[in-house]
C-alpha atoms as a PDB file:
ATOM      1  CA  MET A   1     -51.935 -61.033  21.573  1.00  0.00           C
ATOM      2  CA  GLN A   2     -50.421 -59.607  18.361  1.00  0.00           C
ATOM      3  CA  ARG A   3     -49.963 -56.060  19.679  1.00  0.00           C
ATOM      4  CA  ARG A   4     -46.778 -56.797  21.660  1.00  0.00           C
ATOM      5  CA  PRO A   5     -44.853 -58.295  18.698  1.00  0.00           C
ATOM      6  CA  LEU A   6     -46.008 -55.407  16.512  1.00  0.00           C
ATOM      7  CA  LEU A   7     -44.954 -52.871  19.157  1.00  0.00           C
ATOM      8  CA  ALA A   8     -41.550 -54.536  19.540  1.00  0.00           C
ATOM      9  CA  LEU A   9     -41.082 -54.519  15.769  1.00  0.00           C
ATOM     10  CA  ALA A  10     -41.938 -50.814  15.646  1.00  0.00           C
ATOM     11  CA  VAL A  11     -39.421 -50.004  18.391  1.00  0.00           C
ATOM     12  CA  MET A  12     -36.728 -52.019  16.621  1.00  0.00           C
ATOM     13  CA  SER A  13     -37.438 -50.231  13.358  1.00  0.00           C
ATOM     14  CA  VAL A  14     -37.159 -46.795  14.957  1.00  0.00           C
ATOM     15  CA  GLY A  15     -33.928 -47.798  16.696  1.00  0.00           C
ATOM     16  CA  ALA A  16     -32.445 -49.011  13.437  1.00  0.00           C
ATOM     17  CA  MET A  17     -33.363 -45.731  11.786  1.00  0.00           C
ATOM     18  CA  LEU A  18     -31.648 -43.766  14.559  1.00  0.00           C
ATOM     19  CA  CYS A  19     -28.470 -45.823  14.458  1.00  0.00           C
ATOM     20  CA  ALA A  20     -28.092 -46.085  10.680  1.00  0.00           C
ATOM     21  CA  PRO A  21     -26.571 -43.258   8.633  1.00  0.00           C
ATOM     22  CA  SER A  22     -29.178 -41.091   6.931  1.00  0.00           C
ATOM     23  CA  LEU A  23     -29.552 -41.099   3.181  1.00  0.00           C
ATOM     24  CA  ALA A  24     -28.125 -37.552   3.148  1.00  0.00           C
ATOM     25  CA  ASP A  25     -24.987 -38.804   4.906  1.00  0.00           C
ATOM     26  CA  GLU A  26     -24.533 -41.583   2.360  1.00  0.00           C
ATOM     27  CA  THR A  27     -24.948 -39.290  -0.641  1.00  0.00           C
ATOM     28  CA  TYR A  28     -22.726 -36.496   0.733  1.00  0.00           C
ATOM     29  CA  PRO A  29     -21.836 -34.353  -1.018  1.00  0.00           C
ATOM     30  CA  ASN A  30     -24.540 -33.706  -3.594  1.00  0.00           C
ATOM     31  CA  LYS A  31     -23.848 -29.982  -3.968  1.00  0.00           C
ATOM     32  CA  PRO A  32     -20.829 -27.637  -3.711  1.00  0.00           C
ATOM     33  CA  VAL A  33     -18.876 -27.437  -0.436  1.00  0.00           C
ATOM     34  CA  ARG A  34     -17.449 -24.138   0.801  1.00  0.00           C
ATOM     35  CA  ILE A  35     -14.372 -23.473   2.916  1.00  0.00           C
ATOM     36  CA  ILE A  36     -14.591 -20.240   4.896  1.00  0.00           C
ATOM     37  CA  VAL A  37     -11.203 -18.556   5.177  1.00  0.00           C
ATOM     38  CA  PRO A  38     -11.494 -15.930   7.935  1.00  0.00           C
ATOM     39  CA  PHE A  39      -8.831 -13.719   6.341  1.00  0.00           C
ATOM     40  CA  PRO A  40      -8.512 -11.675   3.131  1.00  0.00           C
ATOM     41  CA  PRO A  41      -7.222 -13.275  -0.092  1.00  0.00           C
ATOM     42  CA  GLY A  42      -3.500 -13.667  -0.627  1.00  0.00           C
ATOM     43  CA  GLY A  43      -2.310 -14.589   2.867  1.00  0.00           C
ATOM     44  CA  THR A  44      -0.998 -17.927   4.060  1.00  0.00           C
ATOM     45  CA  SER A  45      -4.425 -19.121   5.261  1.00  0.00           C
ATOM     46  CA  ASP A  46      -5.956 -18.340   1.881  1.00  0.00           C
ATOM     47  CA  VAL A  47      -3.106 -20.085   0.052  1.00  0.00           C
ATOM     48  CA  MET A  48      -3.457 -23.212   2.210  1.00  0.00           C
ATOM     49  CA  ALA A  49      -7.232 -23.391   1.665  1.00  0.00           C
ATOM     50  CA  ARG A  50      -6.917 -23.030  -2.094  1.00  0.00           C
ATOM     51  CA  MET A  51      -4.102 -25.564  -2.203  1.00  0.00           C
ATOM     52  CA  VAL A  52      -6.336 -28.313  -0.772  1.00  0.00           C
ATOM     53  CA  ALA A  53      -9.633 -27.128  -2.317  1.00  0.00           C
ATOM     54  CA  ALA A  54      -8.893 -28.441  -5.824  1.00  0.00           C
ATOM     55  CA  PRO A  55      -7.814 -31.971  -4.805  1.00  0.00           C
ATOM     56  CA  LEU A  56     -10.618 -32.119  -2.224  1.00  0.00           C
ATOM     57  CA  ALA A  57     -13.113 -31.343  -4.989  1.00  0.00           C
ATOM     58  CA  LYS A  58     -11.755 -34.300  -6.974  1.00  0.00           C
ATOM     59  CA  GLU A  59     -11.966 -36.549  -3.929  1.00  0.00           C
ATOM     60  CA  LEU A  60     -15.537 -35.558  -3.081  1.00  0.00           C
ATOM     61  CA  GLY A  61     -16.842 -35.247  -6.632  1.00  0.00           C
ATOM     62  CA  GLN A  62     -18.260 -31.758  -6.073  1.00  0.00           C
ATOM     63  CA  PRO A  63     -16.856 -28.215  -6.374  1.00  0.00           C
ATOM     64  CA  VAL A  64     -15.096 -26.929  -3.254  1.00  0.00           C
ATOM     65  CA  LEU A  65     -15.329 -23.137  -3.095  1.00  0.00           C
ATOM     66  CA  VAL A  66     -13.149 -20.842  -0.974  1.00  0.00           C
ATOM     67  CA  GLU A  67     -14.980 -17.917   0.618  1.00  0.00           C
ATOM     68  CA  ASN A  68     -12.934 -15.156   2.279  1.00  0.00           C
ATOM     69  CA  LEU A  69     -14.635 -13.543   5.298  1.00  0.00           C
ATOM     70  CA  GLY A  70     -11.858 -11.494   6.894  1.00  0.00           C
ATOM     71  CA  GLY A  71     -11.859  -9.116   9.830  1.00  0.00           C
ATOM     72  CA  ALA A  72     -10.947  -8.866  13.512  1.00  0.00           C
ATOM     73  CA  GLY A  73      -8.005 -11.238  13.281  1.00  0.00           C
ATOM     74  CA  GLY A  74     -10.061 -14.043  11.779  1.00  0.00           C
ATOM     75  CA  THR A  75     -12.734 -14.051  14.482  1.00  0.00           C
ATOM     76  CA  ILE A  76     -15.562 -12.696  12.301  1.00  0.00           C
ATOM     77  CA  GLY A  77     -15.352 -15.467   9.731  1.00  0.00           C
ATOM     78  CA  SER A  78     -14.826 -18.099  12.414  1.00  0.00           C
ATOM     79  CA  ALA A  79     -17.935 -16.937  14.303  1.00  0.00           C
ATOM     80  CA  ARG A  80     -19.926 -17.075  11.072  1.00  0.00           C
ATOM     81  CA  ALA A  81     -18.756 -20.615  10.416  1.00  0.00           C
ATOM     82  CA  ALA A  82     -19.661 -21.719  13.950  1.00  0.00           C
ATOM     83  CA  LYS A  83     -23.285 -20.770  13.269  1.00  0.00           C
ATOM     84  CA  ALA A  84     -23.537 -22.560   9.932  1.00  0.00           C
ATOM     85  CA  THR A  85     -25.740 -25.610   9.414  1.00  0.00           C
ATOM     86  CA  PRO A  86     -23.800 -28.693  10.598  1.00  0.00           C
ATOM     87  CA  ASP A  87     -24.160 -30.684   7.402  1.00  0.00           C
ATOM     88  CA  GLY A  88     -20.610 -30.751   6.037  1.00  0.00           C
ATOM     89  CA  TYR A  89     -21.249 -28.169   3.345  1.00  0.00           C
ATOM     90  CA  THR A  90     -19.566 -25.386   5.351  1.00  0.00           C
ATOM     91  CA  LEU A  91     -15.992 -25.994   6.504  1.00  0.00           C
ATOM     92  CA  LEU A  92     -13.597 -23.593   8.221  1.00  0.00           C
ATOM     93  CA  LEU A  93      -9.908 -22.962   7.634  1.00  0.00           C
ATOM     94  CA  THR A  94      -8.800 -22.906  11.272  1.00  0.00           C
ATOM     95  CA  GLY A  95      -5.482 -21.501  12.431  1.00  0.00           C
ATOM     96  CA  VAL A  96      -3.287 -20.377  15.299  1.00  0.00           C
ATOM     97  CA  GLY A  97      -4.551 -16.788  15.432  1.00  0.00           C
ATOM     98  CA  SER A  98      -8.297 -17.254  15.250  1.00  0.00           C
ATOM     99  CA  ASN A  99      -8.509 -20.641  16.964  1.00  0.00           C
ATOM    100  CA  ALA A 100      -5.850 -20.481  19.677  1.00  0.00           C
ATOM    101  CA  VAL A 101      -4.441 -17.002  20.335  1.00  0.00           C
ATOM    102  CA  ALA A 102      -7.896 -15.392  20.100  1.00  0.00           C
ATOM    103  CA  HIS A 103      -9.119 -17.390  23.109  1.00  0.00           C
ATOM    104  CA  GLY A 104      -6.378 -15.945  25.277  1.00  0.00           C
ATOM    105  CA  LEU A 105      -7.074 -12.407  24.100  1.00  0.00           C
ATOM    106  CA  ASP A 106     -10.860 -12.469  24.485  1.00  0.00           C
ATOM    107  CA  PRO A 107     -12.498 -14.684  27.136  1.00  0.00           C
ATOM    108  CA  LYS A 108     -15.906 -13.666  25.705  1.00  0.00           C
ATOM    109  CA  LEU A 109     -15.121 -14.811  22.174  1.00  0.00           C
ATOM    110  CA  ALA A 110     -18.263 -15.497  20.118  1.00  0.00           C
ATOM    111  CA  TYR A 111     -17.225 -19.116  19.530  1.00  0.00           C
ATOM    112  CA  ASP A 112     -15.367 -21.895  21.298  1.00  0.00           C
ATOM    113  CA  SER A 113     -12.797 -23.602  19.102  1.00  0.00           C
ATOM    114  CA  VAL A 114     -13.070 -26.806  21.136  1.00  0.00           C
ATOM    115  CA  LYS A 115     -16.834 -27.016  21.601  1.00  0.00           C
ATOM    116  CA  ASP A 116     -18.088 -25.461  18.351  1.00  0.00           C
ATOM    117  CA  PHE A 117     -15.933 -27.277  15.801  1.00  0.00           C
ATOM    118  CA  MET A 118     -14.906 -30.788  14.828  1.00  0.00           C
ATOM    119  CA  HIS A 119     -11.255 -30.592  13.791  1.00  0.00           C
ATOM    120  CA  ILE A 120     -10.665 -32.850  10.812  1.00  0.00           C
ATOM    121  CA  SER A 121      -7.130 -32.404   9.531  1.00  0.00           C
ATOM    122  CA  GLN A 122      -4.157 -30.147  10.095  1.00  0.00           C
ATOM    123  CA  ILE A 123      -2.846 -28.776   6.808  1.00  0.00           C
ATOM    124  CA  HIS A 124       0.444 -27.066   7.551  1.00  0.00           C
ATOM    125  CA  SER A 125       2.822 -25.899  10.212  1.00  0.00           C
ATOM    126  CA  GLY A 126       5.809 -23.622   9.945  1.00  0.00           C
ATOM    127  CA  PRO A 127       8.177 -21.734  12.213  1.00  0.00           C
ATOM    128  CA  ASN A 128       8.990 -18.120  12.699  1.00  0.00           C
ATOM    129  CA  VAL A 129      12.623 -17.135  12.258  1.00  0.00           C
ATOM    130  CA  LEU A 130      14.453 -14.823  14.644  1.00  0.00           C
ATOM    131  CA  VAL A 131      16.266 -12.397  12.351  1.00  0.00           C
ATOM    132  CA  VAL A 132      18.534  -9.505  13.249  1.00  0.00           C
ATOM    133  CA  HIS A 133      20.235  -6.653  11.459  1.00  0.00           C
ATOM    134  CA  PRO A 134      23.876  -7.562  10.727  1.00  0.00           C
ATOM    135  CA  ASP A 135      25.120  -4.680  12.893  1.00  0.00           C
ATOM    136  CA  VAL A 136      23.918  -6.201  16.188  1.00  0.00           C
ATOM    137  CA  PRO A 137      26.719  -7.023  18.692  1.00  0.00           C
ATOM    138  CA  PHE A 138      26.081 -10.789  18.686  1.00  0.00           C
ATOM    139  CA  LYS A 139      26.426 -13.523  16.077  1.00  0.00           C
ATOM    140  CA  SER A 140      24.314 -16.374  17.454  1.00  0.00           C
ATOM    141  CA  PHE A 141      21.173 -17.028  19.471  1.00  0.00           C
ATOM    142  CA  ARG A 142      23.181 -18.080  22.536  1.00  0.00           C
ATOM    143  CA  GLU A 143      25.206 -14.886  22.349  1.00  0.00           C
ATOM    144  CA  MET A 144      22.005 -12.841  22.033  1.00  0.00           C
ATOM    145  CA  VAL A 145      20.518 -14.422  25.175  1.00  0.00           C
ATOM    146  CA  GLU A 146      23.679 -13.741  27.171  1.00  0.00           C
ATOM    147  CA  TRP A 147      23.890 -10.177  25.843  1.00  0.00           C
ATOM    148  CA  VAL A 148      20.293  -9.413  26.867  1.00  0.00           C
ATOM    149  CA  ARG A 149      20.806 -10.925  30.320  1.00  0.00           C
ATOM    150  CA  LYS A 150      23.861  -8.689  30.821  1.00  0.00           C
ATOM    151  CA  ASN A 151      22.160  -5.643  29.273  1.00  0.00           C
ATOM    152  CA  PRO A 152      18.489  -5.761  30.353  1.00  0.00           C
ATOM    153  CA  GLY A 153      16.252  -3.270  28.530  1.00  0.00           C
ATOM    154  CA  LYS A 154      18.892  -2.247  25.994  1.00  0.00           C
ATOM    155  CA  LEU A 155      17.693  -4.409  23.081  1.00  0.00           C
ATOM    156  CA  ASN A 156      14.512  -3.520  21.168  1.00  0.00           C
ATOM    157  CA  TYR A 157      12.445  -5.728  18.902  1.00  0.00           C
ATOM    158  CA  GLY A 158       9.529  -5.119  16.552  1.00  0.00           C
ATOM    159  CA  TYR A 159       6.207  -6.922  16.668  1.00  0.00           C
ATOM    160  CA  THR A 160       2.690  -6.874  15.226  1.00  0.00           C
ATOM    161  CA  HIS A 161       0.063  -7.227  17.951  1.00  0.00           C
ATOM    162  CA  ALA A 162      -1.071 -10.838  18.525  1.00  0.00           C
ATOM    163  CA  ALA A 163       0.599 -12.114  15.338  1.00  0.00           C
ATOM    164  CA  SER A 164       2.512 -15.391  15.490  1.00  0.00           C
ATOM    165  CA  GLY A 165       5.808 -13.494  15.701  1.00  0.00           C
ATOM    166  CA  HIS A 166       4.549 -11.526  18.695  1.00  0.00           C
ATOM    167  CA  MET A 167       3.502 -14.730  20.443  1.00  0.00           C
ATOM    168  CA  ALA A 168       6.846 -16.359  19.655  1.00  0.00           C
ATOM    169  CA  MET A 169       8.667 -13.404  21.214  1.00  0.00           C
ATOM    170  CA  GLU A 170       6.522 -13.407  24.355  1.00  0.00           C
ATOM    171  CA  LEU A 171       7.118 -17.132  24.809  1.00  0.00           C
ATOM    172  CA  LEU A 172      10.846 -16.565  24.293  1.00  0.00           C
ATOM    173  CA  LYS A 173      10.947 -13.840  26.946  1.00  0.00           C
ATOM    174  CA  GLN A 174       9.078 -16.008  29.444  1.00  0.00           C
ATOM    175  CA  VAL A 175      11.205 -19.108  28.871  1.00  0.00           C
ATOM    176  CA  ALA A 176      14.511 -17.195  28.764  1.00  0.00           C
ATOM    177  CA  SER A 177      13.629 -15.305  31.952  1.00  0.00           C
ATOM    178  CA  GLN A 178      13.916 -18.520  33.920  1.00  0.00           C
ATOM    179  CA  CYS A 179      17.341 -18.969  35.478  1.00  0.00           C
ATOM    180  CA  PRO A 180      19.544 -21.733  34.071  1.00  0.00           C
ATOM    181  CA  PRO A 181      19.770 -24.951  36.143  1.00  0.00           C
ATOM    182  CA  GLY A 182      21.907 -24.457  39.249  1.00  0.00           C
ATOM    183  CA  VAL A 183      21.678 -20.655  39.160  1.00  0.00           C
ATOM    184  CA  LYS A 184      19.718 -19.208  42.103  1.00  0.00           C
ATOM    185  CA  SER A 185      19.315 -15.685  40.738  1.00  0.00           C
ATOM    186  CA  CYS A 186      19.801 -13.939  37.394  1.00  0.00           C
ATOM    187  CA  ASN A 187      18.964 -10.682  35.642  1.00  0.00           C
ATOM    188  CA  GLY A 188      16.020 -12.167  33.774  1.00  0.00           C
ATOM    189  CA  PHE A 189      15.460 -11.450  30.107  1.00  0.00           C
ATOM    190  CA  PHE A 190      14.111  -7.947  29.537  1.00  0.00           C
ATOM    191  CA  MET A 191      13.717  -6.392  26.086  1.00  0.00           C
ATOM    192  CA  VAL A 192      11.587  -3.491  24.826  1.00  0.00           C
ATOM    193  CA  GLY A 193       8.935  -4.171  22.194  1.00  0.00           C
ATOM    194  CA  ILE A 194       8.130  -1.659  19.432  1.00  0.00           C
ATOM    195  CA  PRO A 195       4.593  -2.196  18.045  1.00  0.00           C
ATOM    196  CA  TYR A 196       3.842  -2.078  14.307  1.00  0.00           C
ATOM    197  CA  ARG A 197       0.569  -2.210  12.402  1.00  0.00           C
ATOM    198  CA  GLY A 198       1.869  -4.698   9.884  1.00  0.00           C
ATOM    199  CA  GLY A 199       4.779  -6.868   8.846  1.00  0.00           C
ATOM    200  CA  GLY A 200       5.708  -4.670   5.861  1.00  0.00           C
ATOM    201  CA  PRO A 201       6.638  -1.507   7.803  1.00  0.00           C
ATOM    202  CA  MET A 202       8.294  -3.625  10.485  1.00  0.00           C
ATOM    203  CA  MET A 203      10.515  -5.369   7.933  1.00  0.00           C
ATOM    204  CA  THR A 204      11.387  -2.009   6.326  1.00  0.00           C
ATOM    205  CA  ASP A 205      12.591  -0.639   9.659  1.00  0.00           C
ATOM    206  CA  LEU A 206      14.575  -3.795  10.400  1.00  0.00           C
ATOM    207  CA  LEU A 207      16.339  -3.608   7.029  1.00  0.00           C
ATOM    208  CA  GLY A 208      17.031   0.077   7.691  1.00  0.00           C
ATOM    209  CA  ASN A 209      18.463  -0.715  11.140  1.00  0.00           C
ATOM    210  CA  GLN A 210      15.734   1.292  12.887  1.00  0.00           C
ATOM    211  CA  ILE A 211      15.014  -1.811  14.980  1.00  0.00           C
ATOM    212  CA  PRO A 212      17.541  -4.617  15.544  1.00  0.00           C
ATOM    213  CA  MET A 213      15.431  -7.780  15.751  1.00  0.00           C
ATOM    214  CA  ILE A 214      12.064  -9.421  14.935  1.00  0.00           C
ATOM    215  CA  PHE A 215      10.405 -12.787  14.584  1.00  0.00           C
ATOM    216  CA  ILE A 216       8.981 -13.249  11.085  1.00  0.00           C
ATOM    217  CA  ASN A 217       7.546 -16.124   9.033  1.00  0.00           C
ATOM    218  CA  GLN A 218      10.217 -18.244   7.388  1.00  0.00           C
ATOM    219  CA  ASP A 219       9.128 -17.471   3.822  1.00  0.00           C
ATOM    220  CA  ALA A 220       9.287 -13.705   4.435  1.00  0.00           C
ATOM    221  CA  ALA A 221      12.734 -13.945   6.019  1.00  0.00           C
ATOM    222  CA  LEU A 222      14.371 -16.134   3.380  1.00  0.00           C
ATOM    223  CA  PRO A 223      15.167 -13.637   0.572  1.00  0.00           C
ATOM    224  CA  HIS A 224      16.691 -11.098   2.978  1.00  0.00           C
ATOM    225  CA  VAL A 225      18.805 -13.741   4.717  1.00  0.00           C
ATOM    226  CA  ARG A 226      20.054 -15.134   1.407  1.00  0.00           C
ATOM    227  CA  ALA A 227      20.927 -11.606   0.255  1.00  0.00           C
ATOM    228  CA  GLY A 228      22.957 -11.018   3.432  1.00  0.00           C
ATOM    229  CA  LYS A 229      20.734  -8.135   4.520  1.00  0.00           C
ATOM    230  CA  LEU A 230      19.619  -9.979   7.658  1.00  0.00           C
ATOM    231  CA  ARG A 231      21.108 -12.697   9.858  1.00  0.00           C
ATOM    232  CA  ALA A 232      18.975 -15.641  11.013  1.00  0.00           C
ATOM    233  CA  LEU A 233      19.715 -16.655  14.604  1.00  0.00           C
ATOM    234  CA  ALA A 234      17.179 -19.418  15.250  1.00  0.00           C
ATOM    235  CA  VAL A 235      13.904 -21.020  14.160  1.00  0.00           C
ATOM    236  CA  THR A 236      10.964 -21.647  16.478  1.00  0.00           C
ATOM    237  CA  SER A 237      10.138 -25.228  15.450  1.00  0.00           C
ATOM    238  CA  LYS A 238      11.413 -28.281  17.338  1.00  0.00           C
ATOM    239  CA  GLU A 239      13.318 -29.426  14.267  1.00  0.00           C
ATOM    240  CA  ARG A 240      15.425 -27.426  11.839  1.00  0.00           C
ATOM    241  CA  ASN A 241      13.630 -25.984   8.843  1.00  0.00           C
ATOM    242  CA  PRO A 242      14.600 -27.201   5.336  1.00  0.00           C
ATOM    243  CA  LEU A 243      14.883 -23.601   4.099  1.00  0.00           C
ATOM    244  CA  PHE A 244      17.354 -22.808   6.892  1.00  0.00           C
ATOM    245  CA  PRO A 245      19.312 -26.046   7.391  1.00  0.00           C
ATOM    246  CA  ASP A 246      22.245 -24.283   9.070  1.00  0.00           C
ATOM    247  CA  VAL A 247      20.096 -22.260  11.480  1.00  0.00           C
ATOM    248  CA  PRO A 248      19.582 -23.947  14.880  1.00  0.00           C
ATOM    249  CA  THR A 249      16.276 -24.252  16.678  1.00  0.00           C
ATOM    250  CA  ILE A 250      15.714 -22.290  19.861  1.00  0.00           C
ATOM    251  CA  ALA A 251      15.303 -25.586  21.714  1.00  0.00           C
ATOM    252  CA  GLU A 252      18.706 -26.906  20.629  1.00  0.00           C
ATOM    253  CA  SER A 253      20.243 -23.513  21.428  1.00  0.00           C
ATOM    254  CA  GLY A 254      19.584 -23.955  25.118  1.00  0.00           C
ATOM    255  CA  LEU A 255      15.890 -23.255  25.761  1.00  0.00           C
ATOM    256  CA  GLN A 256      14.648 -26.832  25.852  1.00  0.00           C
ATOM    257  CA  GLY A 257      10.996 -27.445  25.053  1.00  0.00           C
ATOM    258  CA  TYR A 258      10.541 -24.170  23.204  1.00  0.00           C
ATOM    259  CA  GLU A 259       8.234 -24.384  20.170  1.00  0.00           C
ATOM    260  CA  ALA A 260       6.061 -21.762  18.499  1.00  0.00           C
ATOM    261  CA  LEU A 261       4.369 -22.549  15.205  1.00  0.00           C
ATOM    262  CA  SER A 262       2.199 -20.975  12.586  1.00  0.00           C
ATOM    263  CA  TRP A 263      -0.405 -23.522  11.478  1.00  0.00           C
ATOM    264  CA  SER A 264      -3.727 -24.133   9.760  1.00  0.00           C
ATOM    265  CA  GLY A 265      -6.206 -26.939   9.319  1.00  0.00           C
ATOM    266  CA  LEU A 266      -9.675 -27.913   8.164  1.00  0.00           C
ATOM    267  CA  SER A 267     -12.600 -28.093  10.584  1.00  0.00           C
ATOM    268  CA  ALA A 268     -16.342 -28.702  10.425  1.00  0.00           C
ATOM    269  CA  VAL A 269     -19.213 -27.319  12.468  1.00  0.00           C
ATOM    270  CA  ARG A 270     -19.930 -29.279  15.655  1.00  0.00           C
ATOM    271  CA  GLY A 271     -22.865 -31.608  15.049  1.00  0.00           C
ATOM    272  CA  THR A 272     -21.866 -32.517  11.511  1.00  0.00           C
ATOM    273  CA  PRO A 273     -22.784 -36.222  11.034  1.00  0.00           C
ATOM    274  CA  GLN A 274     -19.834 -38.456  11.818  1.00  0.00           C
ATOM    275  CA  PRO A 275     -20.024 -40.346   8.484  1.00  0.00           C
ATOM    276  CA  VAL A 276     -19.625 -37.009   6.704  1.00  0.00           C
ATOM    277  CA  VAL A 277     -16.656 -36.019   8.870  1.00  0.00           C
ATOM    278  CA  ASP A 278     -15.103 -39.436   8.310  1.00  0.00           C
ATOM    279  CA  LYS A 279     -15.443 -39.028   4.540  1.00  0.00           C
ATOM    280  CA  ILE A 280     -13.730 -35.627   4.588  1.00  0.00           C
ATOM    281  CA  GLU A 281     -11.017 -36.914   6.929  1.00  0.00           C
ATOM    282  CA  ALA A 282     -10.247 -39.865   4.650  1.00  0.00           C
ATOM    283  CA  ALA A 283     -10.051 -37.516   1.655  1.00  0.00           C
ATOM    284  CA  MET A 284      -7.720 -35.131   3.496  1.00  0.00           C
ATOM    285  CA  LYS A 285      -5.418 -37.990   4.519  1.00  0.00           C
ATOM    286  CA  ARG A 286      -5.016 -38.925   0.874  1.00  0.00           C
ATOM    287  CA  ILE A 287      -4.455 -35.290  -0.123  1.00  0.00           C
ATOM    288  CA  MET A 288      -1.834 -34.598   2.541  1.00  0.00           C
ATOM    289  CA  ALA A 289       0.054 -37.736   1.457  1.00  0.00           C
ATOM    290  CA  MET A 290       0.370 -36.503  -2.150  1.00  0.00           C
ATOM    291  CA  PRO A 291       4.026 -35.893  -3.133  1.00  0.00           C
ATOM    292  CA  GLU A 292       3.112 -32.676  -4.945  1.00  0.00           C
ATOM    293  CA  ILE A 293       1.528 -31.259  -1.776  1.00  0.00           C
ATOM    294  CA  LYS A 294       4.616 -32.115   0.276  1.00  0.00           C
ATOM    295  CA  GLN A 295       6.919 -30.600  -2.350  1.00  0.00           C
ATOM    296  CA  ARG A 296       4.882 -27.407  -2.569  1.00  0.00           C
ATOM    297  CA  MET A 297       4.871 -27.033   1.217  1.00  0.00           C
ATOM    298  CA  GLU A 298       8.585 -27.623   1.681  1.00  0.00           C
ATOM    299  CA  SER A 299       9.488 -25.214  -1.125  1.00  0.00           C
ATOM    300  CA  VAL A 300       8.328 -22.343   1.109  1.00  0.00           C
ATOM    301  CA  GLY A 301       9.508 -23.825   4.405  1.00  0.00           C
ATOM    302  CA  PHE A 302       6.268 -25.372   5.617  1.00  0.00           C
ATOM    303  CA  VAL A 303       5.954 -28.893   6.995  1.00  0.00           C
ATOM    304  CA  VAL A 304       3.187 -31.419   6.360  1.00  0.00           C
ATOM    305  CA  PRO A 305       2.090 -32.363   9.900  1.00  0.00           C
ATOM    306  CA  PRO A 306       0.565 -35.660  11.079  1.00  0.00           C
ATOM    307  CA  SER A 307      -2.876 -36.089   9.536  1.00  0.00           C
ATOM    308  CA  GLY A 308      -6.219 -37.053  10.984  1.00  0.00           C
ATOM    309  CA  ALA A 309      -8.885 -35.790  13.347  1.00  0.00           C
ATOM    310  CA  THR A 310      -7.405 -37.329  16.500  1.00  0.00           C
ATOM    311  CA  HIS A 311      -4.098 -35.495  16.050  1.00  0.00           C
ATOM    312  CA  TYR A 312      -5.632 -32.187  15.017  1.00  0.00           C
ATOM    313  CA  THR A 313      -8.242 -32.131  17.795  1.00  0.00           C
ATOM    314  CA  LYS A 314      -5.587 -32.587  20.487  1.00  0.00           C
ATOM    315  CA  PHE A 315      -3.232 -30.162  18.751  1.00  0.00           C
ATOM    316  CA  VAL A 316      -5.799 -27.338  18.737  1.00  0.00           C
ATOM    317  CA  LYS A 317      -6.577 -27.816  22.432  1.00  0.00           C
ATOM    318  CA  ASP A 318      -2.882 -27.854  23.335  1.00  0.00           C
ATOM    319  CA  GLU A 319      -2.307 -24.651  21.353  1.00  0.00           C
ATOM    320  CA  ILE A 320      -5.209 -22.910  23.121  1.00  0.00           C
ATOM    321  CA  ASP A 321      -3.764 -23.908  26.485  1.00  0.00           C
ATOM    322  CA  LEU A 322      -0.248 -22.767  25.529  1.00  0.00           C
ATOM    323  CA  TRP A 323      -1.106 -19.341  24.163  1.00  0.00           C
ATOM    324  CA  SER A 324      -3.752 -18.578  26.776  1.00  0.00           C
ATOM    325  CA  LYS A 325      -1.099 -19.093  29.446  1.00  0.00           C
ATOM    326  CA  VAL A 326       1.497 -16.993  27.588  1.00  0.00           C
ATOM    327  CA  ILE A 327      -1.002 -14.159  27.007  1.00  0.00           C
ATOM    328  CA  LYS A 328      -2.153 -14.165  30.623  1.00  0.00           C
ATOM    329  CA  THR A 329       1.424 -14.120  31.913  1.00  0.00           C
ATOM    330  CA  ALA A 330       2.361 -11.263  29.575  1.00  0.00           C
ATOM    331  CA  GLY A 331      -0.822  -9.320  30.311  1.00  0.00           C
ATOM    332  CA  ILE A 332      -1.638  -8.897  26.614  1.00  0.00           C
ATOM    333  CA  LYS A 333      -5.094  -7.521  25.790  1.00  0.00           C
ATOM    334  CA  ALA A 334      -7.114  -7.445  22.586  1.00  0.00           C
ATOM    335  CA  GLU A 335      -6.801  -4.203  20.639  1.00  0.00           C
END
C-alpha cells in the first residue's frame, strides 16, 4: 500500500531535478570565460571583443579572455567554437563575414550559424562609405548612378573578395539595376570590378587614381575624406553616420530599402543552459548601455545597436538570408 506514494514521490523528485537549474548553472561562472575571435589581433572584430571583455569580466566576477583563432575568413575559429562544450565558458565573437556571408559562399560550411549558436547580444554595427577619387566626372551619388546607367561598363571599382565592401557593392549593383518606377526598360547598372587581396593596396590605388571608386569601412575612409584626398558619396546604413553627417545614405539618395552593414556580436554554443545565457545577456545589456561604450563606438563611426538575444537572433538570420540571396544572384564563389 505504501509503494505507490513512494513511487509518486520519487517521480516528483526526479521531475523537480530536471526542471530546476543545476548547481553549475547557479554558480556560473566559477572559472575564466574565453571569447573566441575568429580573426587575427588588431582588426575590428578583435577590438570589439576586447572592448566588452573587461566590463564583462567585472559583471561576471571572473576573467574573460580573448583568444584569436583566425583563418579562412573567420570560418576556422567559428567551427572550433561550434564544437566547444556548451557550458558558457566558450563564447564566440560572431560577425557578418563568418556568420552571414560565409553561408552564401559555402553551402557545406562546417557549422550552421542558426542551429549551432545561441546569439546573445549584438555589439556593434557600422556602414561602409562609397568613396571616389576627386577626378571622377560626378559629384554626388545620384549623379554617379545616372552616369553609370548612361555609360555601362565604363566605371571600374575595387573590391576585396567577400569583404563587407564587396557585398555592399554587389547589393548596390543589384538594386540599382532595377528600373525606376514607371520606366519599362533601362540600361541597367553595369560596372567592372577590380579584385584586390587586401584593403591597403586597394586604398593606395584609389588615392593614386588607379581605380576611381570603392566601398570601405567608415573609419578607414574618414582621414582621407577630411584631407580632401577622397570624396564620400554615400553611406550604406539606413541613417546618416555621425562621422559623416553631411553624407547622405544610399536609401535617401533614391535606392529605397538599401542597407549593408558591418557588425559583430556575442554568441554561445547551442545547448548552453538557458540560465547561463540569461546571465550573460543581462550583463551585456548593462555593458552596451554604458555611456563610455557608446562614446567609444561613436568616436569611430560605429553605432550601438538594440541589445538582447531576441533582436540579435533575428538579425543574424535576416543577414544570412540577405547575403545568401545577393551572393547567389551575383554568382560569387568561395576562393
